[in-house]
Amino acid sequence: MTITKTSARGLAEQAESALQAVAERNGLTVKYKGGSYTGTTFTPKFEFATADSAAVGFARDATFIGLTPEDFGKEVKVEGRIIKIVGINLRASRYPVLVEDRDGKVYKYNEGAILKVLGR
């Protein structure tokens, strides 16, 4: 068998599902964070985190861009879509706000656009 991009992605999904039970037993979440592959090897990267780690990081960084810790998880309507505020990446100077749509896909937004729909 040769490992391709498609087979590596499939292996990662299966491994993430298997690791979910381990994470839950320990009060954690697990998320696939990429990896590398050659034709014969696949090295995935998984992140285990406490369930509230995203909220803690958001609360720590929110005030730097004009948001409040209470904005974490808020749903807002932007460009006709309902999105939920799920994180901040302060290293991204142009689009530091991370939002998730109803399909679970995460997007980057400018803080000005988010602040505008929040009425600030």
C-alpha atoms as a PDB file:
ATOM      1  CA  MET A   1       0.000   0.000   0.000  1.00  0.00           C
ATOM      2  CA  THR A   2       1.179   3.504  -0.811  1.00  0.00           C
ATOM      3  CA  ILE A   3       0.141   6.331   1.499  1.00  0.00           C
ATOM      4  CA  THR A   4      -1.438   9.199  -0.403  1.00  0.00           C
ATOM      5  CA  LYS A   5      -2.972  12.478   0.736  1.00  0.00           C
ATOM      6  CA  THR A   6      -6.436  10.909   0.627  1.00  0.00           C
ATOM      7  CA  SER A   7      -5.444   7.787   2.565  1.00  0.00           C
ATOM      8  CA  ALA A   8      -3.549   9.888   5.138  1.00  0.00           C
ATOM      9  CA  ARG A   9      -6.646  12.014   5.686  1.00  0.00           C
ATOM     10  CA  GLY A  10      -8.762   8.867   6.107  1.00  0.00           C
ATOM     11  CA  LEU A  11      -6.284   7.406   8.603  1.00  0.00           C
ATOM     12  CA  ALA A  12      -6.289  10.666  10.561  1.00  0.00           C
ATOM     13  CA  GLU A  13     -10.102  10.663  10.797  1.00  0.00           C
ATOM     14  CA  GLN A  14     -10.116   7.082  12.055  1.00  0.00           C
ATOM     15  CA  ALA A  15      -7.353   7.791  14.569  1.00  0.00           C
ATOM     16  CA  GLU A  16      -9.109  10.927  15.824  1.00  0.00           C
ATOM     17  CA  SER A  17     -12.301   8.919  16.394  1.00  0.00           C
ATOM     18  CA  ALA A  18     -10.377   6.273  18.305  1.00  0.00           C
ATOM     19  CA  LEU A  19      -8.574   8.882  20.410  1.00  0.00           C
ATOM     20  CA  GLN A  20     -11.868  10.615  21.249  1.00  0.00           C
ATOM     21  CA  ALA A  21     -12.718   7.917  23.811  1.00  0.00           C
ATOM     22  CA  VAL A  22      -9.317   8.340  25.479  1.00  0.00           C
ATOM     23  CA  ALA A  23      -9.744  12.111  25.586  1.00  0.00           C
ATOM     24  CA  GLU A  24     -13.255  11.889  27.070  1.00  0.00           C
ATOM     25  CA  ARG A  25     -12.100   9.502  29.817  1.00  0.00           C
ATOM     26  CA  ASN A  26      -9.540  12.112  30.836  1.00  0.00           C
ATOM     27  CA  GLY A  27     -11.815  15.153  30.546  1.00  0.00           C
ATOM     28  CA  LEU A  28     -10.063  16.455  27.427  1.00  0.00           C
ATOM     29  CA  THR A  29     -10.799  17.129  23.782  1.00  0.00           C
ATOM     30  CA  VAL A  30      -8.713  15.894  20.871  1.00  0.00           C
ATOM     31  CA  LYS A  31      -8.249  17.510  17.480  1.00  0.00           C
ATOM     32  CA  TYR A  32      -6.255  16.511  14.398  1.00  0.00           C
ATOM     33  CA  LYS A  33      -3.722  19.262  13.685  1.00  0.00           C
ATOM     34  CA  GLY A  34      -2.169  18.081  10.428  1.00  0.00           C
ATOM     35  CA  GLY A  35       0.782  15.879   9.775  1.00  0.00           C
ATOM     36  CA  SER A  36       3.197  14.718   7.132  1.00  0.00           C
ATOM     37  CA  TYR A  37       3.366  11.694   4.878  1.00  0.00           C
ATOM     38  CA  THR A  38       5.602  10.001   2.380  1.00  0.00           C
ATOM     39  CA  GLY A  39       4.688   7.069   0.214  1.00  0.00           C
ATOM     40  CA  THR A  40       5.434   4.685   3.077  1.00  0.00           C
ATOM     41  CA  THR A  41       4.867   6.638   6.330  1.00  0.00           C
ATOM     42  CA  PHE A  42       2.283   8.952   7.843  1.00  0.00           C
ATOM     43  CA  THR A  43       3.043  11.055  10.934  1.00  0.00           C
ATOM     44  CA  PRO A  44      -0.127  12.684  12.267  1.00  0.00           C
ATOM     45  CA  LYS A  45      -0.259  15.427  14.873  1.00  0.00           C
ATOM     46  CA  PHE A  46      -3.043  15.470  17.465  1.00  0.00           C
ATOM     47  CA  GLU A  47      -3.703  18.059  20.139  1.00  0.00           C
ATOM     48  CA  PHE A  48      -5.244  17.166  23.493  1.00  0.00           C
ATOM     49  CA  ALA A  49      -6.647  20.127  25.410  1.00  0.00           C
ATOM     50  CA  THR A  50      -8.866  20.854  28.370  1.00  0.00           C
ATOM     51  CA  ALA A  51     -12.439  21.515  27.368  1.00  0.00           C
ATOM     52  CA  ASP A  52     -12.222  25.165  28.419  1.00  0.00           C
ATOM     53  CA  SER A  53      -8.807  25.973  26.927  1.00  0.00           C
ATOM     54  CA  ALA A  54     -10.308  27.922  24.005  1.00  0.00           C
ATOM     55  CA  ALA A  55     -12.442  30.050  26.345  1.00  0.00           C
ATOM     56  CA  VAL A  56      -9.477  30.755  28.632  1.00  0.00           C
ATOM     57  CA  GLY A  57      -7.294  31.846  25.710  1.00  0.00           C
ATOM     58  CA  PHE A  58     -10.100  33.975  24.312  1.00  0.00           C
ATOM     59  CA  ALA A  59     -10.662  35.704  27.662  1.00  0.00           C
ATOM     60  CA  ARG A  60      -6.930  36.427  27.910  1.00  0.00           C
ATOM     61  CA  ASP A  61      -6.674  37.966  24.420  1.00  0.00           C
ATOM     62  CA  ALA A  62     -10.107  39.526  23.823  1.00  0.00           C
ATOM     63  CA  THR A  63      -9.405  42.984  25.218  1.00  0.00           C
ATOM     64  CA  PHE A  64      -6.407  43.453  22.921  1.00  0.00           C
ATOM     65  CA  ILE A  65      -8.737  43.744  19.909  1.00  0.00           C
ATOM     66  CA  GLY A  66     -11.802  45.336  21.519  1.00  0.00           C
ATOM     67  CA  LEU A  67     -13.793  42.236  22.371  1.00  0.00           C
ATOM     68  CA  THR A  68     -14.852  41.044  25.828  1.00  0.00           C
ATOM     69  CA  PRO A  69     -14.506  37.558  27.335  1.00  0.00           C
ATOM     70  CA  GLU A  70     -18.311  37.291  27.148  1.00  0.00           C
ATOM     71  CA  ASP A  71     -18.120  37.470  23.336  1.00  0.00           C
ATOM     72  CA  PHE A  72     -16.755  33.904  23.217  1.00  0.00           C
ATOM     73  CA  GLY A  73     -19.391  31.662  21.657  1.00  0.00           C
ATOM     74  CA  LYS A  74     -21.693  34.506  20.589  1.00  0.00           C
ATOM     75  CA  GLU A  75     -23.547  33.980  17.342  1.00  0.00           C
ATOM     76  CA  VAL A  76     -23.720  36.934  14.970  1.00  0.00           C
ATOM     77  CA  LYS A  77     -24.954  37.484  11.427  1.00  0.00           C
ATOM     78  CA  VAL A  78     -22.242  38.599   8.996  1.00  0.00           C
ATOM     79  CA  GLU A  79     -22.734  38.837   5.238  1.00  0.00           C
ATOM     80  CA  GLY A  80     -26.013  36.921   5.533  1.00  0.00           C
ATOM     81  CA  ARG A  81     -24.470  34.002   7.443  1.00  0.00           C
ATOM     82  CA  ILE A  82     -24.797  33.050  11.092  1.00  0.00           C
ATOM     83  CA  ILE A  83     -21.346  32.547  12.609  1.00  0.00           C
ATOM     84  CA  LYS A  84     -20.081  31.862  16.122  1.00  0.00           C
ATOM     85  CA  ILE A  85     -17.032  33.582  17.623  1.00  0.00           C
ATOM     86  CA  VAL A  86     -14.637  30.787  18.664  1.00  0.00           C
ATOM     87  CA  GLY A  87     -11.153  32.261  19.062  1.00  0.00           C
ATOM     88  CA  ILE A  88      -8.517  34.898  18.595  1.00  0.00           C
ATOM     89  CA  ASN A  89      -5.134  34.710  16.891  1.00  0.00           C
ATOM     90  CA  LEU A  90      -3.180  37.811  17.884  1.00  0.00           C
ATOM     91  CA  ARG A  91      -0.377  36.937  15.451  1.00  0.00           C
ATOM     92  CA  ALA A  92      -2.808  37.522  12.566  1.00  0.00           C
ATOM     93  CA  SER A  93      -2.807  41.313  12.347  1.00  0.00           C
ATOM     94  CA  ARG A  94      -5.396  41.590   9.548  1.00  0.00           C
ATOM     95  CA  TYR A  95      -7.863  38.831  10.467  1.00  0.00           C
ATOM     96  CA  PRO A  96      -7.396  37.914  14.143  1.00  0.00           C
ATOM     97  CA  VAL A  97     -10.944  36.771  14.980  1.00  0.00           C
ATOM     98  CA  LEU A  98     -11.750  33.097  14.406  1.00  0.00           C
ATOM     99  CA  VAL A  99     -15.381  32.241  13.697  1.00  0.00           C
ATOM    100  CA  GLU A 100     -17.171  28.989  12.945  1.00  0.00           C
ATOM    101  CA  ASP A 101     -20.134  28.565  10.631  1.00  0.00           C
ATOM    102  CA  ARG A 102     -22.976  26.109  11.145  1.00  0.00           C
ATOM    103  CA  ASP A 103     -21.096  23.440   9.177  1.00  0.00           C
ATOM    104  CA  GLY A 104     -18.179  23.588  11.622  1.00  0.00           C
ATOM    105  CA  LYS A 105     -15.785  25.296   9.204  1.00  0.00           C
ATOM    106  CA  VAL A 106     -13.567  27.916  10.834  1.00  0.00           C
ATOM    107  CA  TYR A 107     -12.915  31.260   9.116  1.00  0.00           C
ATOM    108  CA  LYS A 108     -10.779  34.303   9.918  1.00  0.00           C
ATOM    109  CA  TYR A 109     -12.414  37.721  10.209  1.00  0.00           C
ATOM    110  CA  ASN A 110     -11.274  41.284  10.689  1.00  0.00           C
ATOM    111  CA  GLU A 111     -12.021  42.540  14.200  1.00  0.00           C
ATOM    112  CA  GLY A 112     -13.623  45.688  12.772  1.00  0.00           C
ATOM    113  CA  ALA A 113     -16.309  43.650  10.983  1.00  0.00           C
ATOM    114  CA  ILE A 114     -17.074  41.669  14.141  1.00  0.00           C
ATOM    115  CA  LEU A 115     -17.119  44.754  16.356  1.00  0.00           C
ATOM    116  CA  LYS A 116     -19.505  46.437  13.893  1.00  0.00           C
ATOM    117  CA  VAL A 117     -22.067  43.609  14.021  1.00  0.00           C
ATOM    118  CA  LEU A 118     -21.738  43.540  17.832  1.00  0.00           C
ATOM    119  CA  GLY A 119     -22.644  47.250  17.815  1.00  0.00           C
ATOM    120  CA  ARG A 120     -19.347  48.606  19.138  1.00  0.00           C
END
